[in-house]
Amino acid sequence: MRFDFRHRMGLLVVLLWLLSQTIFAAVSEALGTPVITVLVNDSANVSPAILNQAELEAARIFRSAGIDISWVNCPGGSATAEDTCREVPGANQFVLHIVPSGTTSTDLVFGVAFLAEDGSGTYCNVFFDRVDEARHSVGTNESQLLGTVAAHELGHLLLGSHAHSAWGIMAPVWKAEGLRQIGMGTLLFLPEQSALMRARIGRAGVTLAGFAARMKP
């Protein structure tokens, strides 16, 4: 009986959290700004001050594309049933994992997005050691660089396959000019990329609204 009660309470908490996110998205949509929710898992133990500034930078970059971000910083080591960070992400929800070290063959890659064959994806990693090394080598602000890398990987999740562009934040490699733009805060999504991301969020929101309508008693 106790297990059943806890199970039901866990489900209630999850449903309330999903409802709050839906309301947040609906309000932003009414104001003309689509919203994504990003669940952040920090396995690299980034300084809270640096992480907060990085999130503000990523949010600023997405806001320039006409998109708002609702951040959820997931606590480490929590095993409670009501921990929403352990639930399967829903529509317009993505998981950003900051890992201590890179897993790709080249140091020029700062992260990776995991995409299915159809180009859809929910999870991405950022390699903190490479961000830290680049910050030392080129003198870029660490929070700015971390936030820009996070925005780039989230951009992959929203744009799907073949998201790289010749210039802008989705360039496959940031050369000297790109790193200079990061410091100036001008490395952004291209207008066509911004439009594609907003359209993708809108389609997912319609799907979520339809699901919510079917769940009504």
N, C-alpha and C. Protein backbone atom coordinates (compact mmCIF):
# COMPACT_ATOMS: atom_id res chain seq x y z
N MET A 1 0.83 -1.20 0.00
CA MET A 1 0.00 0.00 0.00
C MET A 1 0.87 1.26 0.00
N ARG A 2 1.97 1.19 0.81
CA ARG A 2 2.86 2.33 0.86
C ARG A 2 3.51 2.57 -0.50
N PHE A 3 3.92 1.50 -1.17
CA PHE A 3 4.54 1.63 -2.49
C PHE A 3 3.56 2.26 -3.48
N ASP A 4 2.30 1.81 -3.41
CA ASP A 4 1.30 2.35 -4.33
C ASP A 4 1.10 3.83 -4.10
N PHE A 5 1.11 4.25 -2.82
CA PHE A 5 0.93 5.67 -2.51
C PHE A 5 2.09 6.49 -3.05
N ARG A 6 3.32 5.99 -2.82
CA ARG A 6 4.48 6.71 -3.32
C ARG A 6 4.49 6.76 -4.83
N HIS A 7 4.08 5.65 -5.45
CA HIS A 7 4.04 5.60 -6.91
C HIS A 7 3.07 6.65 -7.45
N ARG A 8 1.89 6.72 -6.81
CA ARG A 8 0.90 7.70 -7.27
C ARG A 8 1.36 9.13 -7.03
N MET A 9 2.04 9.35 -5.90
CA MET A 9 2.55 10.68 -5.62
C MET A 9 3.62 11.07 -6.64
N GLY A 10 4.46 10.09 -7.00
CA GLY A 10 5.47 10.36 -8.02
C GLY A 10 4.85 10.74 -9.35
N LEU A 11 3.80 10.00 -9.74
CA LEU A 11 3.11 10.31 -10.98
C LEU A 11 2.48 11.69 -10.93
N LEU A 12 1.92 12.03 -9.76
CA LEU A 12 1.29 13.34 -9.60
C LEU A 12 2.30 14.46 -9.76
N VAL A 13 3.49 14.28 -9.16
CA VAL A 13 4.53 15.31 -9.26
C VAL A 13 4.96 15.48 -10.71
N VAL A 14 5.15 14.36 -11.40
CA VAL A 14 5.56 14.42 -12.81
C VAL A 14 4.50 15.13 -13.65
N LEU A 15 3.22 14.78 -13.43
CA LEU A 15 2.15 15.41 -14.20
C LEU A 15 2.06 16.91 -13.92
N LEU A 16 2.25 17.29 -12.64
CA LEU A 16 2.23 18.71 -12.30
C LEU A 16 3.38 19.45 -12.96
N TRP A 17 4.57 18.80 -13.01
CA TRP A 17 5.72 19.43 -13.65
C TRP A 17 5.48 19.60 -15.14
N LEU A 18 4.93 18.54 -15.78
CA LEU A 18 4.63 18.63 -17.21
C LEU A 18 3.60 19.72 -17.48
N LEU A 19 2.60 19.83 -16.57
CA LEU A 19 1.58 20.87 -16.73
C LEU A 19 2.20 22.25 -16.63
N SER A 20 3.12 22.44 -15.65
CA SER A 20 3.76 23.74 -15.50
C SER A 20 4.57 24.11 -16.74
N GLN A 21 5.27 23.12 -17.32
CA GLN A 21 6.05 23.39 -18.52
C GLN A 21 5.14 23.72 -19.70
N THR A 22 3.99 23.02 -19.78
CA THR A 22 3.03 23.29 -20.85
C THR A 22 2.46 24.70 -20.74
N ILE A 23 2.15 25.11 -19.49
CA ILE A 23 1.62 26.45 -19.26
C ILE A 23 2.67 27.49 -19.63
N PHE A 24 3.94 27.23 -19.21
CA PHE A 24 5.03 28.16 -19.53
C PHE A 24 5.17 28.32 -21.03
N ALA A 25 5.12 27.20 -21.74
CA ALA A 25 5.24 27.23 -23.20
C ALA A 25 4.06 27.95 -23.83
N ALA A 26 2.85 27.71 -23.27
CA ALA A 26 1.64 28.33 -23.83
C ALA A 26 1.69 29.85 -23.67
N VAL A 27 2.16 30.31 -22.50
CA VAL A 27 2.26 31.75 -22.27
C VAL A 27 3.24 32.38 -23.24
N SER A 28 4.41 31.72 -23.40
CA SER A 28 5.41 32.25 -24.33
C SER A 28 4.90 32.24 -25.76
N GLU A 29 4.17 31.18 -26.11
CA GLU A 29 3.62 31.11 -27.46
C GLU A 29 2.61 32.23 -27.69
N ALA A 30 1.81 32.52 -26.63
CA ALA A 30 0.84 33.60 -26.74
C ALA A 30 1.54 34.94 -26.95
N LEU A 31 2.74 35.04 -26.38
CA LEU A 31 3.53 36.25 -26.55
C LEU A 31 4.35 36.22 -27.84
N GLY A 32 4.23 35.12 -28.58
CA GLY A 32 4.93 35.02 -29.85
C GLY A 32 6.31 34.41 -29.79
N THR A 33 6.68 33.83 -28.64
CA THR A 33 8.01 33.25 -28.49
C THR A 33 7.92 31.78 -28.11
N PRO A 34 8.34 30.87 -29.00
CA PRO A 34 8.34 29.45 -28.66
C PRO A 34 9.39 29.14 -27.60
N VAL A 35 9.19 28.05 -26.86
CA VAL A 35 10.04 27.71 -25.73
C VAL A 35 10.51 26.26 -25.82
N ILE A 36 11.77 26.02 -25.46
CA ILE A 36 12.25 24.66 -25.25
C ILE A 36 12.70 24.54 -23.79
N THR A 37 12.61 23.34 -23.25
CA THR A 37 13.11 23.05 -21.91
C THR A 37 14.39 22.24 -22.04
N VAL A 38 15.43 22.66 -21.34
CA VAL A 38 16.71 21.97 -21.39
C VAL A 38 17.06 21.46 -19.99
N LEU A 39 17.19 20.14 -19.88
CA LEU A 39 17.59 19.51 -18.63
C LEU A 39 19.11 19.38 -18.65
N VAL A 40 19.78 19.97 -17.67
CA VAL A 40 21.24 20.01 -17.64
C VAL A 40 21.77 19.01 -16.62
N ASN A 41 22.58 18.08 -17.09
CA ASN A 41 23.30 17.16 -16.20
C ASN A 41 24.78 17.53 -16.24
N ASP A 42 25.33 17.90 -15.10
CA ASP A 42 26.72 18.36 -15.04
C ASP A 42 27.59 17.30 -14.37
N SER A 43 28.24 16.46 -15.18
CA SER A 43 29.16 15.45 -14.65
C SER A 43 30.58 15.98 -14.53
N ALA A 44 30.82 17.20 -15.00
CA ALA A 44 32.16 17.79 -14.97
C ALA A 44 32.36 18.69 -13.75
N ASN A 45 31.31 18.82 -12.93
CA ASN A 45 31.39 19.66 -11.73
C ASN A 45 31.83 21.09 -12.06
N VAL A 46 31.16 21.66 -13.03
CA VAL A 46 31.43 23.04 -13.43
C VAL A 46 31.02 23.98 -12.29
N SER A 47 31.77 25.02 -12.10
CA SER A 47 31.43 26.02 -11.08
C SER A 47 30.01 26.54 -11.32
N PRO A 48 29.18 26.60 -10.26
CA PRO A 48 27.80 27.10 -10.44
C PRO A 48 27.76 28.48 -11.10
N ALA A 49 28.72 29.33 -10.76
CA ALA A 49 28.73 30.68 -11.36
C ALA A 49 28.99 30.60 -12.86
N ILE A 50 29.95 29.76 -13.26
CA ILE A 50 30.26 29.61 -14.68
C ILE A 50 29.09 28.97 -15.41
N LEU A 51 28.48 27.95 -14.81
CA LEU A 51 27.35 27.27 -15.45
C LEU A 51 26.18 28.23 -15.62
N ASN A 52 25.90 29.02 -14.61
CA ASN A 52 24.80 29.97 -14.70
C ASN A 52 25.04 30.99 -15.81
N GLN A 53 26.26 31.50 -15.90
CA GLN A 53 26.57 32.46 -16.96
C GLN A 53 26.52 31.81 -18.34
N ALA A 54 26.94 30.54 -18.41
CA ALA A 54 26.89 29.82 -19.68
C ALA A 54 25.44 29.63 -20.13
N GLU A 55 24.56 29.32 -19.20
CA GLU A 55 23.15 29.17 -19.53
C GLU A 55 22.55 30.50 -20.00
N LEU A 56 22.95 31.58 -19.35
CA LEU A 56 22.48 32.90 -19.78
C LEU A 56 22.95 33.22 -21.20
N GLU A 57 24.21 32.81 -21.51
CA GLU A 57 24.74 33.07 -22.85
C GLU A 57 24.01 32.24 -23.90
N ALA A 58 23.79 30.95 -23.61
CA ALA A 58 23.06 30.10 -24.55
C ALA A 58 21.64 30.62 -24.75
N ALA A 59 21.01 31.05 -23.64
CA ALA A 59 19.65 31.60 -23.74
C ALA A 59 19.64 32.86 -24.59
N ARG A 60 20.66 33.70 -24.45
CA ARG A 60 20.74 34.92 -25.25
C ARG A 60 20.86 34.60 -26.73
N ILE A 61 21.68 33.59 -27.05
CA ILE A 61 21.87 33.20 -28.45
C ILE A 61 20.55 32.69 -29.03
N PHE A 62 19.84 31.87 -28.26
CA PHE A 62 18.56 31.35 -28.76
C PHE A 62 17.50 32.45 -28.82
N ARG A 63 17.57 33.39 -27.89
CA ARG A 63 16.59 34.48 -27.93
C ARG A 63 16.77 35.31 -29.19
N SER A 64 18.00 35.42 -29.66
CA SER A 64 18.24 36.15 -30.91
C SER A 64 17.62 35.41 -32.10
N ALA A 65 17.37 34.10 -31.92
CA ALA A 65 16.70 33.30 -32.95
C ALA A 65 15.19 33.25 -32.73
N GLY A 66 14.69 33.98 -31.72
CA GLY A 66 13.25 34.00 -31.45
C GLY A 66 12.77 32.82 -30.63
N ILE A 67 13.65 32.26 -29.79
CA ILE A 67 13.31 31.07 -28.99
C ILE A 67 13.76 31.30 -27.56
N ASP A 68 12.92 30.96 -26.59
CA ASP A 68 13.29 31.03 -25.18
C ASP A 68 13.66 29.65 -24.66
N ILE A 69 14.51 29.62 -23.63
CA ILE A 69 14.92 28.37 -22.99
C ILE A 69 14.48 28.38 -21.54
N SER A 70 13.84 27.30 -21.11
CA SER A 70 13.53 27.07 -19.70
C SER A 70 14.54 26.04 -19.19
N TRP A 71 15.42 26.45 -18.27
CA TRP A 71 16.50 25.58 -17.79
C TRP A 71 16.07 24.78 -16.57
N VAL A 72 16.46 23.52 -16.52
CA VAL A 72 16.27 22.68 -15.33
C VAL A 72 17.63 22.06 -15.02
N ASN A 73 18.27 22.50 -13.92
CA ASN A 73 19.55 21.95 -13.52
C ASN A 73 19.31 20.72 -12.65
N CYS A 74 19.65 19.57 -13.18
CA CYS A 74 19.34 18.31 -12.52
C CYS A 74 20.32 18.02 -11.39
N PRO A 75 19.80 17.66 -10.22
CA PRO A 75 20.70 17.34 -9.10
C PRO A 75 21.40 16.03 -9.33
N GLY A 76 22.66 15.94 -8.95
CA GLY A 76 23.41 14.70 -9.12
C GLY A 76 23.10 13.71 -8.01
N GLY A 77 23.03 12.45 -8.38
CA GLY A 77 22.88 11.39 -7.39
C GLY A 77 21.49 11.21 -6.84
N SER A 78 20.51 11.92 -7.32
CA SER A 78 19.16 11.77 -6.81
C SER A 78 18.50 10.54 -7.41
N ALA A 79 17.87 9.74 -6.54
CA ALA A 79 17.23 8.51 -7.02
C ALA A 79 15.75 8.49 -6.67
N THR A 80 15.20 9.63 -6.29
CA THR A 80 13.80 9.68 -5.90
C THR A 80 12.90 9.54 -7.11
N ALA A 81 11.74 8.91 -6.91
CA ALA A 81 10.82 8.64 -8.01
C ALA A 81 10.29 9.93 -8.61
N GLU A 82 10.20 10.99 -7.77
CA GLU A 82 9.62 12.24 -8.25
C GLU A 82 10.64 13.15 -8.92
N ASP A 83 11.87 12.69 -9.08
CA ASP A 83 12.89 13.50 -9.75
C ASP A 83 12.58 13.56 -11.23
N THR A 84 12.06 14.68 -11.67
CA THR A 84 11.63 14.80 -13.07
C THR A 84 12.79 14.68 -14.05
N CYS A 85 14.01 14.92 -13.56
CA CYS A 85 15.16 14.81 -14.45
C CYS A 85 15.41 13.38 -14.89
N ARG A 86 14.82 12.42 -14.21
CA ARG A 86 15.00 11.03 -14.57
C ARG A 86 13.88 10.50 -15.46
N GLU A 87 12.93 11.36 -15.76
CA GLU A 87 11.85 10.95 -16.63
C GLU A 87 12.26 11.10 -18.10
N VAL A 88 11.56 10.39 -18.97
CA VAL A 88 11.83 10.49 -20.41
C VAL A 88 11.41 11.89 -20.88
N PRO A 89 12.30 12.63 -21.54
CA PRO A 89 11.95 13.98 -21.99
C PRO A 89 10.75 13.96 -22.94
N GLY A 90 9.90 14.98 -22.80
CA GLY A 90 8.73 15.08 -23.65
C GLY A 90 8.99 15.99 -24.84
N ALA A 91 7.91 16.46 -25.45
CA ALA A 91 8.03 17.33 -26.62
C ALA A 91 8.73 18.63 -26.24
N ASN A 92 9.65 19.07 -27.09
CA ASN A 92 10.40 20.31 -26.89
C ASN A 92 11.23 20.31 -25.61
N GLN A 93 11.61 19.11 -25.14
CA GLN A 93 12.49 18.96 -23.98
C GLN A 93 13.76 18.24 -24.44
N PHE A 94 14.90 18.78 -24.02
CA PHE A 94 16.18 18.24 -24.46
C PHE A 94 17.11 18.08 -23.27
N VAL A 95 18.07 17.17 -23.39
CA VAL A 95 19.01 16.89 -22.30
C VAL A 95 20.41 17.31 -22.74
N LEU A 96 21.01 18.20 -21.96
CA LEU A 96 22.38 18.66 -22.19
C LEU A 96 23.26 18.08 -21.10
N HIS A 97 24.22 17.24 -21.48
CA HIS A 97 25.10 16.59 -20.52
C HIS A 97 26.50 17.17 -20.67
N ILE A 98 27.01 17.79 -19.61
CA ILE A 98 28.37 18.31 -19.61
C ILE A 98 29.27 17.21 -19.05
N VAL A 99 30.12 16.65 -19.89
CA VAL A 99 30.98 15.53 -19.49
C VAL A 99 32.41 16.03 -19.31
N PRO A 100 33.21 15.37 -18.47
CA PRO A 100 34.56 15.87 -18.17
C PRO A 100 35.50 15.89 -19.36
N SER A 101 35.44 14.86 -20.23
CA SER A 101 36.42 14.78 -21.31
C SER A 101 35.77 14.38 -22.62
N GLY A 102 36.44 14.76 -23.71
CA GLY A 102 35.92 14.50 -25.04
C GLY A 102 36.03 13.05 -25.44
N THR A 103 35.16 12.64 -26.35
CA THR A 103 35.14 11.24 -26.80
C THR A 103 35.35 11.13 -28.31
N THR A 104 35.67 12.23 -28.97
CA THR A 104 35.89 12.19 -30.41
C THR A 104 37.40 12.26 -30.69
N SER A 105 37.78 11.94 -31.92
CA SER A 105 39.19 11.82 -32.26
C SER A 105 39.91 13.14 -32.40
N THR A 106 39.20 14.22 -32.62
CA THR A 106 39.83 15.52 -32.82
C THR A 106 39.49 16.48 -31.68
N ASP A 107 40.48 17.25 -31.26
CA ASP A 107 40.27 18.22 -30.19
C ASP A 107 39.48 19.43 -30.65
N LEU A 108 39.25 19.55 -31.97
CA LEU A 108 38.50 20.68 -32.50
C LEU A 108 37.00 20.54 -32.29
N VAL A 109 36.56 19.34 -31.86
CA VAL A 109 35.14 19.10 -31.61
C VAL A 109 34.87 19.28 -30.12
N PHE A 110 33.95 20.19 -29.79
CA PHE A 110 33.66 20.52 -28.40
C PHE A 110 32.45 19.77 -27.83
N GLY A 111 31.73 19.04 -28.67
CA GLY A 111 30.55 18.32 -28.19
C GLY A 111 29.99 17.43 -29.27
N VAL A 112 28.90 16.75 -28.93
CA VAL A 112 28.26 15.85 -29.89
C VAL A 112 26.77 15.78 -29.58
N ALA A 113 25.97 15.76 -30.65
CA ALA A 113 24.52 15.57 -30.54
C ALA A 113 24.18 14.20 -31.08
N PHE A 114 23.28 13.51 -30.40
CA PHE A 114 22.92 12.15 -30.80
C PHE A 114 21.61 12.18 -31.59
N LEU A 115 21.72 11.87 -32.87
CA LEU A 115 20.57 11.96 -33.77
C LEU A 115 20.21 10.59 -34.32
N ALA A 116 18.91 10.36 -34.49
CA ALA A 116 18.42 9.13 -35.12
C ALA A 116 18.57 9.26 -36.64
N GLU A 117 18.25 8.19 -37.35
CA GLU A 117 18.38 8.21 -38.81
C GLU A 117 17.51 9.27 -39.46
N ASP A 118 16.37 9.59 -38.83
CA ASP A 118 15.48 10.61 -39.40
C ASP A 118 15.88 12.03 -39.00
N GLY A 119 17.01 12.16 -38.27
CA GLY A 119 17.49 13.48 -37.89
C GLY A 119 16.96 13.99 -36.57
N SER A 120 16.08 13.24 -35.92
CA SER A 120 15.53 13.67 -34.64
C SER A 120 16.50 13.32 -33.51
N GLY A 121 16.44 14.09 -32.43
CA GLY A 121 17.32 13.82 -31.30
C GLY A 121 16.90 14.59 -30.08
N THR A 122 17.31 14.10 -28.91
CA THR A 122 16.95 14.71 -27.64
C THR A 122 18.17 14.96 -26.75
N TYR A 123 19.24 14.19 -26.96
CA TYR A 123 20.38 14.22 -26.06
C TYR A 123 21.63 14.77 -26.76
N CYS A 124 22.42 15.55 -26.01
CA CYS A 124 23.70 16.02 -26.52
C CYS A 124 24.70 16.14 -25.38
N ASN A 125 25.97 16.02 -25.71
CA ASN A 125 27.07 16.14 -24.76
C ASN A 125 27.93 17.35 -25.10
N VAL A 126 28.49 17.96 -24.07
CA VAL A 126 29.50 19.00 -24.22
C VAL A 126 30.75 18.53 -23.49
N PHE A 127 31.92 18.64 -24.16
CA PHE A 127 33.18 18.17 -23.59
C PHE A 127 33.86 19.32 -22.85
N PHE A 128 33.80 19.29 -21.53
CA PHE A 128 34.27 20.44 -20.76
C PHE A 128 35.79 20.62 -20.84
N ASP A 129 36.54 19.52 -20.92
CA ASP A 129 38.00 19.66 -20.99
C ASP A 129 38.43 20.43 -22.23
N ARG A 130 37.74 20.20 -23.34
CA ARG A 130 38.11 20.89 -24.58
C ARG A 130 37.68 22.36 -24.56
N VAL A 131 36.56 22.61 -23.90
CA VAL A 131 36.15 24.01 -23.72
C VAL A 131 37.19 24.74 -22.88
N ASP A 132 37.64 24.08 -21.80
CA ASP A 132 38.62 24.70 -20.91
C ASP A 132 39.96 24.92 -21.63
N GLU A 133 40.39 23.94 -22.42
CA GLU A 133 41.65 24.08 -23.16
C GLU A 133 41.57 25.21 -24.19
N ALA A 134 40.44 25.28 -24.89
CA ALA A 134 40.28 26.34 -25.90
C ALA A 134 40.24 27.71 -25.24
N ARG A 135 39.63 27.77 -24.09
CA ARG A 135 39.56 29.05 -23.37
C ARG A 135 40.97 29.54 -23.03
N HIS A 136 41.84 28.61 -22.62
CA HIS A 136 43.21 28.99 -22.28
C HIS A 136 44.02 29.37 -23.52
N SER A 137 43.80 28.65 -24.62
CA SER A 137 44.62 28.86 -25.81
C SER A 137 44.25 30.11 -26.59
N VAL A 138 42.97 30.46 -26.60
CA VAL A 138 42.54 31.62 -27.41
C VAL A 138 42.09 32.80 -26.56
N GLY A 139 42.02 32.59 -25.23
CA GLY A 139 41.68 33.70 -24.35
C GLY A 139 40.21 34.06 -24.35
N THR A 140 39.34 33.14 -24.79
CA THR A 140 37.90 33.40 -24.79
C THR A 140 37.33 33.19 -23.39
N ASN A 141 36.37 33.98 -23.01
CA ASN A 141 35.70 33.83 -21.72
C ASN A 141 35.09 32.42 -21.63
N GLU A 142 35.36 31.73 -20.50
CA GLU A 142 34.94 30.34 -20.38
C GLU A 142 33.42 30.18 -20.41
N SER A 143 32.71 31.05 -19.72
CA SER A 143 31.24 30.96 -19.71
C SER A 143 30.67 31.21 -21.09
N GLN A 144 31.21 32.19 -21.80
CA GLN A 144 30.75 32.49 -23.15
C GLN A 144 30.97 31.29 -24.07
N LEU A 145 32.18 30.69 -23.98
CA LEU A 145 32.48 29.56 -24.85
C LEU A 145 31.62 28.36 -24.52
N LEU A 146 31.44 28.06 -23.23
CA LEU A 146 30.60 26.94 -22.82
C LEU A 146 29.16 27.15 -23.27
N GLY A 147 28.64 28.36 -23.10
CA GLY A 147 27.28 28.64 -23.52
C GLY A 147 27.10 28.56 -25.03
N THR A 148 28.12 28.99 -25.77
CA THR A 148 28.04 28.94 -27.24
C THR A 148 28.11 27.50 -27.73
N VAL A 149 28.97 26.68 -27.11
CA VAL A 149 29.04 25.25 -27.47
C VAL A 149 27.70 24.57 -27.16
N ALA A 150 27.12 24.89 -26.01
CA ALA A 150 25.82 24.31 -25.65
C ALA A 150 24.76 24.70 -26.68
N ALA A 151 24.76 25.97 -27.09
CA ALA A 151 23.79 26.42 -28.09
C ALA A 151 24.00 25.70 -29.42
N HIS A 152 25.26 25.48 -29.79
CA HIS A 152 25.57 24.76 -31.04
C HIS A 152 25.01 23.35 -31.01
N GLU A 153 25.23 22.62 -29.91
CA GLU A 153 24.76 21.24 -29.83
C GLU A 153 23.23 21.17 -29.76
N LEU A 154 22.62 22.07 -29.04
CA LEU A 154 21.16 22.13 -29.01
C LEU A 154 20.62 22.48 -30.40
N GLY A 155 21.37 23.30 -31.12
CA GLY A 155 20.98 23.61 -32.50
C GLY A 155 20.94 22.37 -33.36
N HIS A 156 21.88 21.44 -33.16
CA HIS A 156 21.86 20.18 -33.90
C HIS A 156 20.57 19.41 -33.61
N LEU A 157 20.15 19.39 -32.35
CA LEU A 157 18.94 18.65 -31.99
C LEU A 157 17.70 19.25 -32.64
N LEU A 158 17.70 20.56 -32.82
CA LEU A 158 16.53 21.22 -33.40
C LEU A 158 16.57 21.26 -34.93
N LEU A 159 17.77 21.27 -35.48
CA LEU A 159 17.89 21.38 -36.94
C LEU A 159 18.02 20.02 -37.62
N GLY A 160 18.40 18.99 -36.86
CA GLY A 160 18.50 17.65 -37.44
C GLY A 160 19.79 17.45 -38.23
N SER A 161 19.75 16.49 -39.14
CA SER A 161 20.93 16.15 -39.93
C SER A 161 21.32 17.29 -40.87
N HIS A 162 22.59 17.35 -41.21
CA HIS A 162 23.11 18.35 -42.15
C HIS A 162 22.86 19.78 -41.65
N ALA A 163 23.05 19.98 -40.34
CA ALA A 163 22.77 21.29 -39.74
C ALA A 163 23.94 22.26 -39.88
N HIS A 164 25.12 21.75 -40.23
CA HIS A 164 26.28 22.64 -40.33
C HIS A 164 26.13 23.65 -41.46
N SER A 165 26.72 24.81 -41.26
CA SER A 165 26.69 25.87 -42.27
C SER A 165 28.09 26.42 -42.45
N ALA A 166 28.28 27.17 -43.52
CA ALA A 166 29.61 27.69 -43.83
C ALA A 166 30.05 28.74 -42.82
N TRP A 167 29.10 29.43 -42.21
CA TRP A 167 29.43 30.45 -41.21
C TRP A 167 28.34 30.48 -40.16
N GLY A 168 28.53 31.31 -39.14
CA GLY A 168 27.57 31.36 -38.04
C GLY A 168 27.88 30.32 -36.99
N ILE A 169 27.01 30.21 -36.01
CA ILE A 169 27.23 29.33 -34.87
C ILE A 169 27.25 27.85 -35.27
N MET A 170 26.61 27.50 -36.39
CA MET A 170 26.55 26.10 -36.80
C MET A 170 27.68 25.72 -37.76
N ALA A 171 28.72 26.55 -37.87
CA ALA A 171 29.91 26.16 -38.63
C ALA A 171 30.55 24.95 -37.96
N PRO A 172 31.03 23.97 -38.72
CA PRO A 172 31.58 22.76 -38.11
C PRO A 172 32.83 23.01 -37.29
N VAL A 173 33.63 24.00 -37.68
CA VAL A 173 34.85 24.37 -36.94
C VAL A 173 34.88 25.89 -36.81
N TRP A 174 35.07 26.36 -35.58
CA TRP A 174 35.17 27.80 -35.36
C TRP A 174 36.63 28.23 -35.49
N LYS A 175 36.93 28.92 -36.57
CA LYS A 175 38.29 29.40 -36.78
C LYS A 175 38.48 30.72 -36.03
N ALA A 176 39.55 31.42 -36.34
CA ALA A 176 39.88 32.64 -35.59
C ALA A 176 38.74 33.65 -35.60
N GLU A 177 38.09 33.81 -36.75
CA GLU A 177 36.99 34.78 -36.84
C GLU A 177 35.81 34.36 -35.98
N GLY A 178 35.50 33.06 -36.00
CA GLY A 178 34.40 32.56 -35.18
C GLY A 178 34.67 32.75 -33.70
N LEU A 179 35.90 32.47 -33.26
CA LEU A 179 36.26 32.66 -31.86
C LEU A 179 36.21 34.13 -31.48
N ARG A 180 36.59 35.00 -32.40
CA ARG A 180 36.50 36.44 -32.14
C ARG A 180 35.03 36.85 -31.97
N GLN A 181 34.15 36.27 -32.79
CA GLN A 181 32.73 36.59 -32.70
C GLN A 181 32.12 36.09 -31.39
N ILE A 182 32.64 34.95 -30.89
CA ILE A 182 32.16 34.46 -29.59
C ILE A 182 32.44 35.50 -28.52
N GLY A 183 33.66 36.05 -28.53
CA GLY A 183 34.02 37.07 -27.55
C GLY A 183 33.17 38.33 -27.68
N MET A 184 32.73 38.62 -28.89
CA MET A 184 31.89 39.81 -29.12
C MET A 184 30.40 39.51 -28.93
N GLY A 185 30.07 38.22 -28.81
CA GLY A 185 28.66 37.84 -28.67
C GLY A 185 27.88 37.91 -29.96
N THR A 186 28.58 37.79 -31.10
CA THR A 186 27.91 37.92 -32.39
C THR A 186 27.91 36.63 -33.21
N LEU A 187 28.33 35.52 -32.62
CA LEU A 187 28.25 34.24 -33.33
C LEU A 187 26.88 33.64 -33.07
N LEU A 188 25.99 33.75 -34.05
CA LEU A 188 24.58 33.44 -33.86
C LEU A 188 24.07 32.48 -34.93
N PHE A 189 22.81 32.07 -34.79
CA PHE A 189 22.16 31.27 -35.82
C PHE A 189 21.83 32.14 -37.02
N LEU A 190 21.87 31.56 -38.21
CA LEU A 190 21.47 32.27 -39.42
C LEU A 190 19.95 32.41 -39.43
N PRO A 191 19.41 33.40 -40.13
CA PRO A 191 17.95 33.59 -40.15
C PRO A 191 17.18 32.35 -40.59
N GLU A 192 17.68 31.65 -41.63
CA GLU A 192 16.96 30.46 -42.08
C GLU A 192 17.00 29.34 -41.05
N GLN A 193 18.09 29.26 -40.28
CA GLN A 193 18.17 28.26 -39.22
C GLN A 193 17.18 28.60 -38.10
N SER A 194 17.10 29.87 -37.77
CA SER A 194 16.15 30.31 -36.74
C SER A 194 14.73 29.95 -37.12
N ALA A 195 14.37 30.18 -38.38
CA ALA A 195 13.02 29.87 -38.85
C ALA A 195 12.74 28.37 -38.80
N LEU A 196 13.72 27.56 -39.19
CA LEU A 196 13.55 26.11 -39.15
C LEU A 196 13.36 25.61 -37.73
N MET A 197 14.11 26.15 -36.78
CA MET A 197 13.99 25.72 -35.39
C MET A 197 12.63 26.11 -34.82
N ARG A 198 12.18 27.31 -35.10
CA ARG A 198 10.87 27.73 -34.59
C ARG A 198 9.76 26.86 -35.18
N ALA A 199 9.88 26.49 -36.44
CA ALA A 199 8.88 25.62 -37.06
C ALA A 199 8.88 24.25 -36.42
N ARG A 200 10.05 23.72 -36.12
CA ARG A 200 10.16 22.41 -35.49
C ARG A 200 9.53 22.42 -34.10
N ILE A 201 9.79 23.49 -33.33
CA ILE A 201 9.21 23.61 -31.99
C ILE A 201 7.69 23.70 -32.08
N GLY A 202 7.20 24.44 -33.06
CA GLY A 202 5.76 24.57 -33.23
C GLY A 202 5.09 23.25 -33.54
N ARG A 203 5.70 22.44 -34.40
CA ARG A 203 5.13 21.12 -34.73
C ARG A 203 5.10 20.22 -33.51
N ALA A 204 6.16 20.25 -32.71
CA ALA A 204 6.20 19.42 -31.50
C ALA A 204 5.18 19.90 -30.49
N GLY A 205 4.97 21.22 -30.41
CA GLY A 205 3.99 21.77 -29.49
C GLY A 205 2.58 21.36 -29.84
N VAL A 206 2.28 21.30 -31.13
CA VAL A 206 0.96 20.84 -31.57
C VAL A 206 0.74 19.40 -31.16
N THR A 207 1.78 18.57 -31.29
CA THR A 207 1.68 17.17 -30.87
C THR A 207 1.42 17.06 -29.39
N LEU A 208 2.13 17.87 -28.58
CA LEU A 208 1.94 17.85 -27.13
C LEU A 208 0.55 18.31 -26.76
N ALA A 209 0.04 19.35 -27.43
CA ALA A 209 -1.30 19.84 -27.13
C ALA A 209 -2.35 18.78 -27.43
N GLY A 210 -2.15 18.05 -28.53
CA GLY A 210 -3.09 16.99 -28.87
C GLY A 210 -3.08 15.88 -27.85
N PHE A 211 -1.89 15.54 -27.34
CA PHE A 211 -1.78 14.51 -26.32
C PHE A 211 -2.49 14.95 -25.04
N ALA A 212 -2.28 16.23 -24.64
CA ALA A 212 -2.91 16.76 -23.43
C ALA A 212 -4.43 16.73 -23.56
N ALA A 213 -4.94 17.04 -24.76
CA ALA A 213 -6.39 17.03 -24.97
C ALA A 213 -6.95 15.63 -24.81
N ARG A 214 -6.21 14.63 -25.30
CA ARG A 214 -6.68 13.25 -25.18
C ARG A 214 -6.65 12.76 -23.73
N MET A 215 -5.79 13.37 -22.88
CA MET A 215 -5.67 12.95 -21.49
C MET A 215 -6.75 13.54 -20.61
N LYS A 216 -7.50 14.53 -21.11
CA LYS A 216 -8.55 15.15 -20.31
C LYS A 216 -9.66 14.14 -20.05
N PRO A 217 -10.22 14.14 -18.79
CA PRO A 217 -11.30 13.19 -18.48
C PRO A 217 -12.58 13.51 -19.25
